[in-house]
Amino acid sequence: MTAGLSPLRWANDLTHVLNAAMGQNRFPVNVRELALEYSRQRFPEDPVAVIRSDALPGFDGALFKAPPGKKGWGIFYNHAMTSAGRVNFTLAHEFGHYLLHRVVYPQGIRCGDQDVVRWDSEYGQIEHQANLFSAGLLMPLDDFRRQIAPRSKADLDMLSGCADR
């Protein structure tokens, strides 16, 4: 179902790129900038060309191939989302689809709440993979380990602080 690297490997590789470019104080991750710039450099013939909000009834986000005559992909998120953190997670999720699934799904993917409950389906599995990528990119283990001391007992406040970061 994926082309190339695993979701967590992609997230880890991008974490190394971001750490090298910006250091440890690079949070929150600017997924919009990362997706546009990284895809242009890594896949210049097939980049993410546009990221924007739109009316997406029944969908949180989508990844679409550019129309005929244009190159690249578009990442769209539902403009009804008001939480900046939720928007960023959705952008990372769709960027995950771009990295992991665009070759297998050449016309794109639409993502809605109903899709994540169908775990036994192929579509449920690719949604899970995009979620793993998004979580790994936005809250990488190396940063998590810096935020929570090794011997401390993590509580919901600590986890919430990591998520807000």
C-alpha atoms as a PDB file:
ATOM      1  CA  MET A   1       0.000   0.000   0.000  1.00  0.00           C
ATOM      2  CA  THR A   2       2.926   2.346   0.430  1.00  0.00           C
ATOM      3  CA  ALA A   3       5.570   3.296  -2.041  1.00  0.00           C
ATOM      4  CA  GLY A   4       8.982   3.214  -0.382  1.00  0.00           C
ATOM      5  CA  LEU A   5       9.562   4.136   3.245  1.00  0.00           C
ATOM      6  CA  SER A   6       7.308   3.361   6.211  1.00  0.00           C
ATOM      7  CA  PRO A   7       5.264   6.177   7.829  1.00  0.00           C
ATOM      8  CA  LEU A   8       7.544   6.398  10.853  1.00  0.00           C
ATOM      9  CA  ARG A   9      10.689   6.280   8.714  1.00  0.00           C
ATOM     10  CA  TRP A  10       9.425   9.239   6.653  1.00  0.00           C
ATOM     11  CA  ALA A  11       8.596  11.131   9.859  1.00  0.00           C
ATOM     12  CA  ASN A  12      11.994  10.307  11.359  1.00  0.00           C
ATOM     13  CA  ASP A  13      13.864  11.368   8.221  1.00  0.00           C
ATOM     14  CA  LEU A  14      11.998  14.683   8.131  1.00  0.00           C
ATOM     15  CA  THR A  15      12.635  15.166  11.852  1.00  0.00           C
ATOM     16  CA  HIS A  16      16.368  14.896  11.147  1.00  0.00           C
ATOM     17  CA  VAL A  17      16.059  17.425   8.319  1.00  0.00           C
ATOM     18  CA  LEU A  18      14.164  19.872  10.543  1.00  0.00           C
ATOM     19  CA  ASN A  19      16.535  19.374  13.482  1.00  0.00           C
ATOM     20  CA  ALA A  20      19.551  20.028  11.274  1.00  0.00           C
ATOM     21  CA  ALA A  21      18.009  23.109   9.681  1.00  0.00           C
ATOM     22  CA  MET A  22      16.326  24.668  12.715  1.00  0.00           C
ATOM     23  CA  GLY A  23      17.555  23.007  15.905  1.00  0.00           C
ATOM     24  CA  GLN A  24      15.510  21.784  18.827  1.00  0.00           C
ATOM     25  CA  ASN A  25      13.375  24.908  19.150  1.00  0.00           C
ATOM     26  CA  ARG A  26      11.532  24.348  15.890  1.00  0.00           C
ATOM     27  CA  PHE A  27       8.046  23.735  17.213  1.00  0.00           C
ATOM     28  CA  PRO A  28       5.300  23.786  16.249  1.00  0.00           C
ATOM     29  CA  VAL A  29       6.177  22.232  12.890  1.00  0.00           C
ATOM     30  CA  ASN A  30       5.147  24.447   9.989  1.00  0.00           C
ATOM     31  CA  VAL A  31       3.708  21.620   7.890  1.00  0.00           C
ATOM     32  CA  ARG A  32       2.571  23.935   5.102  1.00  0.00           C
ATOM     33  CA  GLU A  33       6.085  25.254   4.507  1.00  0.00           C
ATOM     34  CA  LEU A  34       7.675  21.819   4.966  1.00  0.00           C
ATOM     35  CA  ALA A  35       5.354  20.068   2.494  1.00  0.00           C
ATOM     36  CA  LEU A  36       5.786  22.729  -0.188  1.00  0.00           C
ATOM     37  CA  GLU A  37       9.560  23.096   0.120  1.00  0.00           C
ATOM     38  CA  TYR A  38      10.502  19.469   0.757  1.00  0.00           C
ATOM     39  CA  SER A  39       8.355  18.128  -2.077  1.00  0.00           C
ATOM     40  CA  ARG A  40       9.810  20.693  -4.513  1.00  0.00           C
ATOM     41  CA  GLN A  41      13.324  19.612  -3.608  1.00  0.00           C
ATOM     42  CA  ARG A  42      12.767  15.861  -3.350  1.00  0.00           C
ATOM     43  CA  PHE A  43      10.164  15.375  -6.101  1.00  0.00           C
ATOM     44  CA  PRO A  44      10.567  18.381  -8.438  1.00  0.00           C
ATOM     45  CA  GLU A  45       8.468  16.786 -11.182  1.00  0.00           C
ATOM     46  CA  ASP A  46       5.620  15.887  -8.806  1.00  0.00           C
ATOM     47  CA  PRO A  47       5.583  18.390  -5.883  1.00  0.00           C
ATOM     48  CA  VAL A  48       2.884  19.586  -3.552  1.00  0.00           C
ATOM     49  CA  ALA A  49       1.920  22.716  -5.469  1.00  0.00           C
ATOM     50  CA  VAL A  50      -0.905  24.147  -3.382  1.00  0.00           C
ATOM     51  CA  ILE A  51      -2.182  23.926   0.194  1.00  0.00           C
ATOM     52  CA  ARG A  52      -5.412  25.661   1.121  1.00  0.00           C
ATOM     53  CA  SER A  53      -8.646  25.494   3.042  1.00  0.00           C
ATOM     54  CA  ASP A  54     -11.882  24.798   1.228  1.00  0.00           C
ATOM     55  CA  ALA A  55     -15.431  23.654   1.780  1.00  0.00           C
ATOM     56  CA  LEU A  56     -15.109  19.888   2.120  1.00  0.00           C
ATOM     57  CA  PRO A  57     -18.503  18.586   3.281  1.00  0.00           C
ATOM     58  CA  GLY A  58     -17.989  15.271   5.043  1.00  0.00           C
ATOM     59  CA  PHE A  59     -14.189  15.414   4.802  1.00  0.00           C
ATOM     60  CA  ASP A  60     -11.450  16.752   7.066  1.00  0.00           C
ATOM     61  CA  GLY A  61      -8.817  16.847   4.363  1.00  0.00           C
ATOM     62  CA  ALA A  62      -7.930  15.678   0.899  1.00  0.00           C
ATOM     63  CA  LEU A  63      -4.990  15.106  -1.407  1.00  0.00           C
ATOM     64  CA  PHE A  64      -5.752  15.707  -5.082  1.00  0.00           C
ATOM     65  CA  LYS A  65      -3.690  15.380  -8.243  1.00  0.00           C
ATOM     66  CA  ALA A  66      -3.400  18.630 -10.183  1.00  0.00           C
ATOM     67  CA  PRO A  67      -5.768  19.022 -13.123  1.00  0.00           C
ATOM     68  CA  PRO A  68      -4.592  17.990 -16.605  1.00  0.00           C
ATOM     69  CA  GLY A  69      -1.933  20.331 -17.940  1.00  0.00           C
ATOM     70  CA  LYS A  70      -0.571  21.155 -14.488  1.00  0.00           C
ATOM     71  CA  LYS A  71       1.929  19.249 -12.377  1.00  0.00           C
ATOM     72  CA  GLY A  72       1.867  18.318  -8.762  1.00  0.00           C
ATOM     73  CA  TRP A  73      -0.625  17.840  -5.993  1.00  0.00           C
ATOM     74  CA  GLY A  74      -2.940  19.866  -3.811  1.00  0.00           C
ATOM     75  CA  ILE A  75      -3.503  19.423  -0.108  1.00  0.00           C
ATOM     76  CA  PHE A  76      -6.852  20.721   1.096  1.00  0.00           C
ATOM     77  CA  TYR A  77      -8.338  20.936   4.573  1.00  0.00           C
ATOM     78  CA  ASN A  78     -11.859  21.692   5.686  1.00  0.00           C
ATOM     79  CA  HIS A  79     -12.219  25.403   6.414  1.00  0.00           C
ATOM     80  CA  ALA A  80     -14.713  24.553   9.179  1.00  0.00           C
ATOM     81  CA  MET A  81     -11.824  23.369  11.390  1.00  0.00           C
ATOM     82  CA  THR A  82     -11.029  26.084  13.914  1.00  0.00           C
ATOM     83  CA  SER A  83      -8.247  24.510  15.980  1.00  0.00           C
ATOM     84  CA  ALA A  84      -4.775  25.384  14.686  1.00  0.00           C
ATOM     85  CA  GLY A  85      -3.478  22.093  16.084  1.00  0.00           C
ATOM     86  CA  ARG A  86      -6.178  20.125  14.260  1.00  0.00           C
ATOM     87  CA  VAL A  87      -5.422  21.939  11.005  1.00  0.00           C
ATOM     88  CA  ASN A  88      -1.706  21.196  11.395  1.00  0.00           C
ATOM     89  CA  PHE A  89      -2.410  17.513  12.111  1.00  0.00           C
ATOM     90  CA  THR A  90      -4.663  17.320   9.043  1.00  0.00           C
ATOM     91  CA  LEU A  91      -1.999  18.962   6.851  1.00  0.00           C
ATOM     92  CA  ALA A  92       0.603  16.507   8.149  1.00  0.00           C
ATOM     93  CA  HIS A  93      -1.828  13.621   7.576  1.00  0.00           C
ATOM     94  CA  GLU A  94      -2.397  14.661   3.957  1.00  0.00           C
ATOM     95  CA  PHE A  95       1.342  15.228   3.467  1.00  0.00           C
ATOM     96  CA  GLY A  96       1.759  11.655   4.732  1.00  0.00           C
ATOM     97  CA  HIS A  97      -0.636  10.474   2.040  1.00  0.00           C
ATOM     98  CA  TYR A  98       1.419  12.399  -0.514  1.00  0.00           C
ATOM     99  CA  LEU A  99       4.671  10.721   0.586  1.00  0.00           C
ATOM    100  CA  LEU A 100       3.232   7.256   1.166  1.00  0.00           C
ATOM    101  CA  HIS A 101       0.284   6.749  -1.160  1.00  0.00           C
ATOM    102  CA  ARG A 102       0.259   9.092  -4.172  1.00  0.00           C
ATOM    103  CA  VAL A 103       1.759   6.456  -6.468  1.00  0.00           C
ATOM    104  CA  VAL A 104      -0.802   3.830  -5.437  1.00  0.00           C
ATOM    105  CA  TYR A 105      -3.716   6.322  -5.475  1.00  0.00           C
ATOM    106  CA  PRO A 106      -2.848   8.525  -8.461  1.00  0.00           C
ATOM    107  CA  GLN A 107      -6.127  10.476  -8.352  1.00  0.00           C
ATOM    108  CA  GLY A 108      -5.809  11.296  -4.658  1.00  0.00           C
ATOM    109  CA  ILE A 109      -7.519  10.556  -1.370  1.00  0.00           C
ATOM    110  CA  ARG A 110     -10.333  12.144   0.644  1.00  0.00           C
ATOM    111  CA  CYS A 111     -10.234  11.737   4.419  1.00  0.00           C
ATOM    112  CA  GLY A 112     -13.241  11.842   6.700  1.00  0.00           C
ATOM    113  CA  ASP A 113     -14.125  10.657  10.185  1.00  0.00           C
ATOM    114  CA  GLN A 114     -15.911   7.590   8.845  1.00  0.00           C
ATOM    115  CA  ASP A 115     -12.724   6.310   7.215  1.00  0.00           C
ATOM    116  CA  VAL A 116     -10.741   5.765  10.388  1.00  0.00           C
ATOM    117  CA  VAL A 117     -13.317   3.360  11.850  1.00  0.00           C
ATOM    118  CA  ARG A 118     -12.974   0.883   8.974  1.00  0.00           C
ATOM    119  CA  TRP A 119      -9.722  -0.638  10.256  1.00  0.00           C
ATOM    120  CA  ASP A 120     -10.155  -3.919   8.425  1.00  0.00           C
ATOM    121  CA  SER A 121     -10.312  -2.243   5.029  1.00  0.00           C
ATOM    122  CA  GLU A 122      -7.381  -1.230   2.849  1.00  0.00           C
ATOM    123  CA  TYR A 123      -8.553   2.359   3.097  1.00  0.00           C
ATOM    124  CA  GLY A 124      -8.612   2.156   6.896  1.00  0.00           C
ATOM    125  CA  GLN A 125      -5.020   0.939   6.826  1.00  0.00           C
ATOM    126  CA  ILE A 126      -3.780   3.830   4.687  1.00  0.00           C
ATOM    127  CA  GLU A 127      -5.588   6.256   6.996  1.00  0.00           C
ATOM    128  CA  HIS A 128      -3.786   4.642   9.930  1.00  0.00           C
ATOM    129  CA  GLN A 129      -0.451   4.994   8.125  1.00  0.00           C
ATOM    130  CA  ALA A 130      -1.087   8.703   7.457  1.00  0.00           C
ATOM    131  CA  ASN A 131      -1.980   9.178  11.136  1.00  0.00           C
ATOM    132  CA  LEU A 132       1.251   7.459  12.224  1.00  0.00           C
ATOM    133  CA  PHE A 133       3.231   9.753   9.935  1.00  0.00           C
ATOM    134  CA  SER A 134       1.446  12.855  11.221  1.00  0.00           C
ATOM    135  CA  ALA A 135       1.963  11.946  14.879  1.00  0.00           C
ATOM    136  CA  GLY A 136       5.620  11.051  14.277  1.00  0.00           C
ATOM    137  CA  LEU A 137       6.288  14.307  12.451  1.00  0.00           C
ATOM    138  CA  LEU A 138       4.477  16.620  14.849  1.00  0.00           C
ATOM    139  CA  MET A 139       5.571  14.974  18.102  1.00  0.00           C
ATOM    140  CA  PRO A 140       8.792  13.085  17.349  1.00  0.00           C
ATOM    141  CA  LEU A 141      10.237  10.748  19.934  1.00  0.00           C
ATOM    142  CA  ASP A 142      13.485  12.694  20.307  1.00  0.00           C
ATOM    143  CA  ASP A 143      11.570  15.816  21.345  1.00  0.00           C
ATOM    144  CA  PHE A 144       9.127  13.855  23.494  1.00  0.00           C
ATOM    145  CA  ARG A 145      12.066  12.388  25.386  1.00  0.00           C
ATOM    146  CA  ARG A 146      13.484  15.877  25.958  1.00  0.00           C
ATOM    147  CA  GLN A 147      10.146  17.134  27.291  1.00  0.00           C
ATOM    148  CA  ILE A 148       9.427  14.272  29.702  1.00  0.00           C
ATOM    149  CA  ALA A 149      12.233  13.231  32.039  1.00  0.00           C
ATOM    150  CA  PRO A 150      13.193   9.535  31.712  1.00  0.00           C
ATOM    151  CA  ARG A 151      12.143   8.537  35.222  1.00  0.00           C
ATOM    152  CA  SER A 152       9.122  10.780  35.593  1.00  0.00           C
ATOM    153  CA  LYS A 153       5.603   9.428  35.579  1.00  0.00           C
ATOM    154  CA  ALA A 154       3.949  11.077  32.589  1.00  0.00           C
ATOM    155  CA  ASP A 155       0.504  12.493  33.275  1.00  0.00           C
ATOM    156  CA  LEU A 156      -2.151  14.073  31.068  1.00  0.00           C
ATOM    157  CA  ASP A 157      -0.832  17.595  31.703  1.00  0.00           C
ATOM    158  CA  MET A 158       2.642  16.593  30.527  1.00  0.00           C
ATOM    159  CA  LEU A 159       1.252  14.884  27.436  1.00  0.00           C
ATOM    160  CA  SER A 160      -0.981  17.854  26.728  1.00  0.00           C
ATOM    161  CA  GLY A 161       2.039  20.166  26.943  1.00  0.00           C
ATOM    162  CA  CYS A 162       3.871  18.013  24.402  1.00  0.00           C
ATOM    163  CA  ALA A 163       0.843  18.012  22.101  1.00  0.00           C
ATOM    164  CA  ASP A 164       0.442  21.812  22.359  1.00  0.00           C
ATOM    165  CA  ARG A 165       4.114  22.260  21.535  1.00  0.00           C
END
